[in-house]
């Protein structure tokens, strides 16, 4: 990051051990965030993803600091939980503006933000390097290893054709909470020698440039950067 960017960690966990514990924990998070905003007095707060959006709006409200919030996925498919959805419906209309990824998502969110400004800003993609002419026989998938990405479907599908396409391999770029589970599934399917979990990669375009096929198996997306 640029030296002009300051990162301030609040050191508060988002884990939950039950409803009462989660309520108390989130009260602490709102209080800590409000204290920080009161100390820093920013001109505007920019927040991403529904839980953070709700907490930022609650923390900033008494300070009269404008909050621009952003939805990063498809709210019709992504369910943050009943309580978070209720809070979103109650506080999103306090935002200074809402930023979404597509016109379709904007239509879904309009009733929630009411008369507040709503902007569609597409994700940007950096220029990609020239692709090589000698691509390898690799199927690649890129993204966080969570349930929404559907990697279990990718592994099972690849296992169906692995015997017929012995020279092909599968590379999965990314990390996340399901990594151990997906590695175990790959082993169960007999794919230890043909599937590579590359983990988090600083520049996925280098991996993409040498592969022959890209797979997107997500159950839903907002605006897939990987694609």
Protein backbone atom coordinates (compact mmCIF):
# COMPACT_ATOMS: atom_id res chain seq x y z
CA UNK A 1 0.00 0.00 0.00
CA UNK A 2 0.97 3.60 -0.49
CA UNK A 3 2.66 5.20 2.51
CA UNK A 4 -0.27 7.64 2.64
CA UNK A 5 -2.63 4.77 3.56
CA UNK A 6 -3.01 4.01 7.25
CA UNK A 7 -4.36 0.63 8.35
CA UNK A 8 -5.88 0.58 11.82
CA UNK A 9 -6.89 -2.87 13.09
CA UNK A 10 -9.61 -2.97 15.73
CA UNK A 11 -8.60 -6.49 16.82
CA UNK A 12 -12.20 -7.64 17.28
CA UNK A 13 -13.28 -11.09 16.18
CA UNK A 14 -16.41 -11.65 14.11
CA UNK A 15 -16.87 -15.24 15.33
CA UNK A 16 -20.12 -16.16 17.02
CA UNK A 17 -20.78 -18.66 19.81
CA UNK A 18 -24.49 -18.08 19.96
CA UNK A 19 -27.03 -15.30 19.58
CA UNK A 20 -26.37 -13.54 22.89
CA UNK A 21 -22.60 -13.71 22.43
CA UNK A 22 -22.92 -12.41 18.85
CA UNK A 23 -25.12 -9.51 20.01
CA UNK A 24 -22.62 -8.49 22.70
CA UNK A 25 -19.70 -8.90 20.32
CA UNK A 26 -21.30 -6.72 17.67
CA UNK A 27 -22.14 -4.06 20.25
CA UNK A 28 -18.43 -3.96 21.09
CA UNK A 29 -17.58 -3.71 17.41
CA UNK A 30 -19.96 -0.78 16.89
CA UNK A 31 -18.60 0.99 19.97
CA UNK A 32 -14.97 0.48 18.92
CA UNK A 33 -15.69 1.68 15.40
CA UNK A 34 -17.59 4.72 16.68
CA UNK A 35 -14.70 5.64 18.99
CA UNK A 36 -12.29 5.38 16.07
CA UNK A 37 -14.48 7.52 13.81
CA UNK A 38 -14.87 10.09 16.57
CA UNK A 39 -11.10 10.21 16.97
CA UNK A 40 -10.25 10.33 13.25
CA UNK A 41 -13.21 12.47 12.09
CA UNK A 42 -13.14 11.30 8.45
CA UNK A 43 -15.02 13.26 5.78
CA UNK A 44 -16.70 10.08 4.59
CA UNK A 45 -16.75 6.36 5.43
CA UNK A 46 -16.72 3.80 2.60
CA UNK A 47 -17.90 0.36 3.65
CA UNK A 48 -18.03 -3.02 1.87
CA UNK A 49 -20.27 -6.08 2.42
CA UNK A 50 -23.53 -6.23 4.37
CA UNK A 51 -22.32 -6.91 7.93
CA UNK A 52 -19.68 -4.18 7.75
CA UNK A 53 -22.20 -1.84 6.10
CA UNK A 54 -24.68 -2.28 8.95
CA UNK A 55 -22.03 -1.80 11.64
CA UNK A 56 -20.59 1.27 9.91
CA UNK A 57 -24.02 2.88 9.58
CA UNK A 58 -24.83 2.22 13.25
CA UNK A 59 -21.44 3.53 14.39
CA UNK A 60 -21.46 6.70 12.26
CA UNK A 61 -25.06 7.79 12.74
CA UNK A 62 -24.68 9.87 15.94
CA UNK A 63 -21.53 11.46 14.53
CA UNK A 64 -23.27 12.62 11.35
CA UNK A 65 -20.49 11.24 9.16
CA UNK A 66 -21.72 10.22 5.69
CA UNK A 67 -21.34 6.50 4.91
CA UNK A 68 -21.13 5.15 1.35
CA UNK A 69 -21.94 1.44 1.42
CA UNK A 70 -21.31 -1.24 -1.19
CA UNK A 71 -22.90 -4.61 -1.99
CA UNK A 72 -20.38 -6.98 -3.58
CA UNK A 73 -22.51 -9.98 -4.52
CA UNK A 74 -26.03 -10.95 -5.60
CA UNK A 75 -28.36 -10.24 -2.64
CA UNK A 76 -31.10 -12.43 -4.09
CA UNK A 77 -28.85 -15.49 -3.64
CA UNK A 78 -26.46 -14.53 -0.86
CA UNK A 79 -28.04 -14.89 2.59
CA UNK A 80 -26.05 -13.28 5.41
CA UNK A 81 -28.59 -14.51 7.95
CA UNK A 82 -32.09 -13.49 9.08
CA UNK A 83 -30.93 -10.93 11.65
CA UNK A 84 -28.46 -9.28 9.28
CA UNK A 85 -31.11 -9.10 6.57
CA UNK A 86 -33.51 -7.47 9.04
CA UNK A 87 -30.87 -4.95 10.11
CA UNK A 88 -30.02 -4.23 6.47
CA UNK A 89 -33.65 -3.44 5.73
CA UNK A 90 -33.77 -1.11 8.77
CA UNK A 91 -30.53 0.87 8.35
CA UNK A 92 -29.48 0.89 4.69
CA UNK A 93 -31.70 3.91 3.98
CA UNK A 94 -29.41 5.95 6.26
CA UNK A 95 -26.49 5.67 3.82
CA UNK A 96 -25.11 8.60 1.85
CA UNK A 97 -25.12 6.32 -1.21
CA UNK A 98 -25.13 2.65 -2.18
CA UNK A 99 -22.76 1.23 -4.79
CA UNK A 100 -23.65 -2.04 -6.55
CA UNK A 101 -22.15 -4.11 -9.35
CA UNK A 102 -24.99 -4.43 -11.88
CA UNK A 103 -28.27 -2.81 -12.89
CA UNK A 104 -30.12 -5.97 -11.81
CA UNK A 105 -28.73 -5.69 -8.29
CA UNK A 106 -29.63 -2.00 -8.26
CA UNK A 107 -33.27 -2.92 -8.94
CA UNK A 108 -33.24 -5.37 -6.04
CA UNK A 109 -31.74 -2.87 -3.62
CA UNK A 110 -33.83 0.17 -4.53
CA UNK A 111 -36.68 -0.65 -2.08
CA UNK A 112 -34.17 -1.06 0.76
CA UNK A 113 -32.27 2.21 0.29
CA UNK A 114 -35.48 4.05 -0.62
CA UNK A 115 -34.64 7.52 -1.95
CA UNK A 116 -30.92 7.40 -1.27
CA UNK A 117 -28.51 7.72 -4.25
CA UNK A 118 -27.70 4.39 -5.87
CA UNK A 119 -24.77 3.90 -8.29
CA UNK A 120 -23.72 1.00 -10.51
CA UNK A 121 -19.93 0.73 -10.75
CA UNK A 122 -18.60 -2.30 -12.61
CA UNK A 123 -15.48 -4.06 -11.39
CA UNK A 124 -12.30 -3.09 -13.16
CA UNK A 125 -9.86 -5.59 -14.62
CA UNK A 126 -6.16 -4.84 -15.06
CA UNK A 127 -4.64 -5.30 -18.53
CA UNK A 128 -3.57 -8.92 -18.94
CA UNK A 129 -0.18 -10.11 -20.20
CA UNK A 130 0.15 -11.63 -23.65
CA UNK A 131 -0.93 -15.26 -23.63
CA UNK A 132 1.52 -17.93 -24.62
CA UNK A 133 0.95 -20.02 -27.72
CA UNK A 134 2.06 -23.21 -25.97
CA UNK A 135 -0.72 -23.49 -23.45
CA UNK A 136 -0.68 -26.51 -21.17
CA UNK A 137 -3.48 -29.03 -20.75
CA UNK A 138 -4.72 -27.46 -17.54
CA UNK A 139 -8.22 -26.55 -16.38
CA UNK A 140 -8.07 -23.60 -13.99
CA UNK A 141 -10.49 -22.06 -11.50
CA UNK A 142 -9.82 -18.89 -9.52
CA UNK A 143 -11.59 -17.68 -6.39
CA UNK A 144 -12.08 -17.92 -2.65
CA UNK A 145 -12.56 -21.46 -1.37
CA UNK A 146 -16.05 -21.06 0.10
CA UNK A 147 -19.44 -22.66 -0.48
CA UNK A 148 -20.65 -20.08 -3.02
CA UNK A 149 -17.90 -20.98 -5.51
CA UNK A 150 -19.12 -24.55 -6.01
CA UNK A 151 -15.69 -26.18 -6.15
CA UNK A 152 -17.10 -29.50 -5.00
CA UNK A 153 -18.96 -29.64 -8.33
CA UNK A 154 -15.75 -28.87 -10.19
CA UNK A 155 -13.85 -31.67 -8.47
CA UNK A 156 -16.61 -34.23 -9.03
CA UNK A 157 -16.97 -33.20 -12.67
CA UNK A 158 -13.23 -33.44 -13.26
CA UNK A 159 -13.17 -36.87 -11.63
CA UNK A 160 -15.72 -38.11 -14.20
CA UNK A 161 -13.37 -37.38 -17.11
CA UNK A 162 -9.98 -37.86 -15.46
CA UNK A 163 -9.56 -41.43 -16.75
CA UNK A 164 -10.31 -40.40 -20.35
CA UNK A 165 -8.07 -37.30 -20.22
CA UNK A 166 -5.04 -38.56 -18.34
CA UNK A 167 -2.77 -35.78 -19.60
CA UNK A 168 -5.00 -33.02 -18.21
CA UNK A 169 -4.64 -31.45 -14.78
CA UNK A 170 -6.78 -29.15 -12.65
CA UNK A 171 -5.46 -26.08 -10.84
CA UNK A 172 -7.50 -24.20 -8.24
CA UNK A 173 -6.12 -20.77 -7.32
CA UNK A 174 -7.32 -19.25 -4.05
CA UNK A 175 -7.68 -19.95 -0.37
CA UNK A 176 -10.53 -20.01 2.12
CA UNK A 177 -12.38 -21.89 4.86
CA UNK A 178 -13.16 -24.97 2.74
CA UNK A 179 -9.61 -25.72 1.62
CA UNK A 180 -9.06 -28.72 3.90
CA UNK A 181 -12.49 -30.12 3.04
CA UNK A 182 -11.87 -29.75 -0.72
CA UNK A 183 -8.40 -31.30 -0.45
CA UNK A 184 -9.97 -34.25 1.37
CA UNK A 185 -12.62 -34.57 -1.36
CA UNK A 186 -9.93 -34.54 -4.06
CA UNK A 187 -8.15 -37.37 -2.27
CA UNK A 188 -11.40 -39.34 -1.95
CA UNK A 189 -11.95 -38.95 -5.71
CA UNK A 190 -8.43 -40.18 -6.45
CA UNK A 191 -7.27 -36.83 -7.81
CA UNK A 192 -4.19 -36.28 -5.62
CA UNK A 193 -1.84 -36.41 -8.62
CA UNK A 194 -3.95 -34.34 -11.02
CA UNK A 195 -5.36 -31.51 -8.86
CA UNK A 196 -3.18 -28.69 -7.55
CA UNK A 197 -4.39 -26.28 -4.87
CA UNK A 198 -2.19 -23.27 -5.62
CA UNK A 199 -3.40 -21.21 -2.67
CA UNK A 200 -3.41 -17.44 -2.75
CA UNK A 201 -1.43 -16.12 -5.72
CA UNK A 202 -0.33 -12.49 -6.05
CA UNK A 203 -0.81 -12.42 -9.84
CA UNK A 204 -3.33 -15.05 -11.07
CA UNK A 205 -2.92 -13.80 -14.65
CA UNK A 206 0.39 -15.67 -14.86
CA UNK A 207 -1.40 -18.91 -14.04
CA UNK A 208 -4.24 -18.13 -16.46
CA UNK A 209 -1.90 -17.31 -19.33
CA UNK A 210 -0.57 -20.86 -19.61
CA UNK A 211 -3.80 -22.82 -19.20
CA UNK A 212 -6.20 -24.12 -21.85
CA UNK A 213 -9.55 -23.97 -20.09
CA UNK A 214 -11.15 -21.74 -17.44
CA UNK A 215 -13.95 -23.10 -15.22
CA UNK A 216 -16.48 -21.02 -13.28
CA UNK A 217 -18.65 -23.29 -11.13
CA UNK A 218 -20.08 -20.70 -8.71
CA UNK A 219 -23.60 -21.14 -7.40
CA UNK A 220 -23.91 -17.35 -7.70
CA UNK A 221 -21.74 -14.28 -8.26
CA UNK A 222 -22.01 -10.51 -8.07
CA UNK A 223 -19.64 -9.56 -10.89
CA UNK A 224 -16.96 -12.26 -11.13
CA UNK A 225 -13.48 -10.76 -11.35
CA UNK A 226 -12.10 -14.23 -12.09
CA UNK A 227 -14.21 -14.51 -15.25
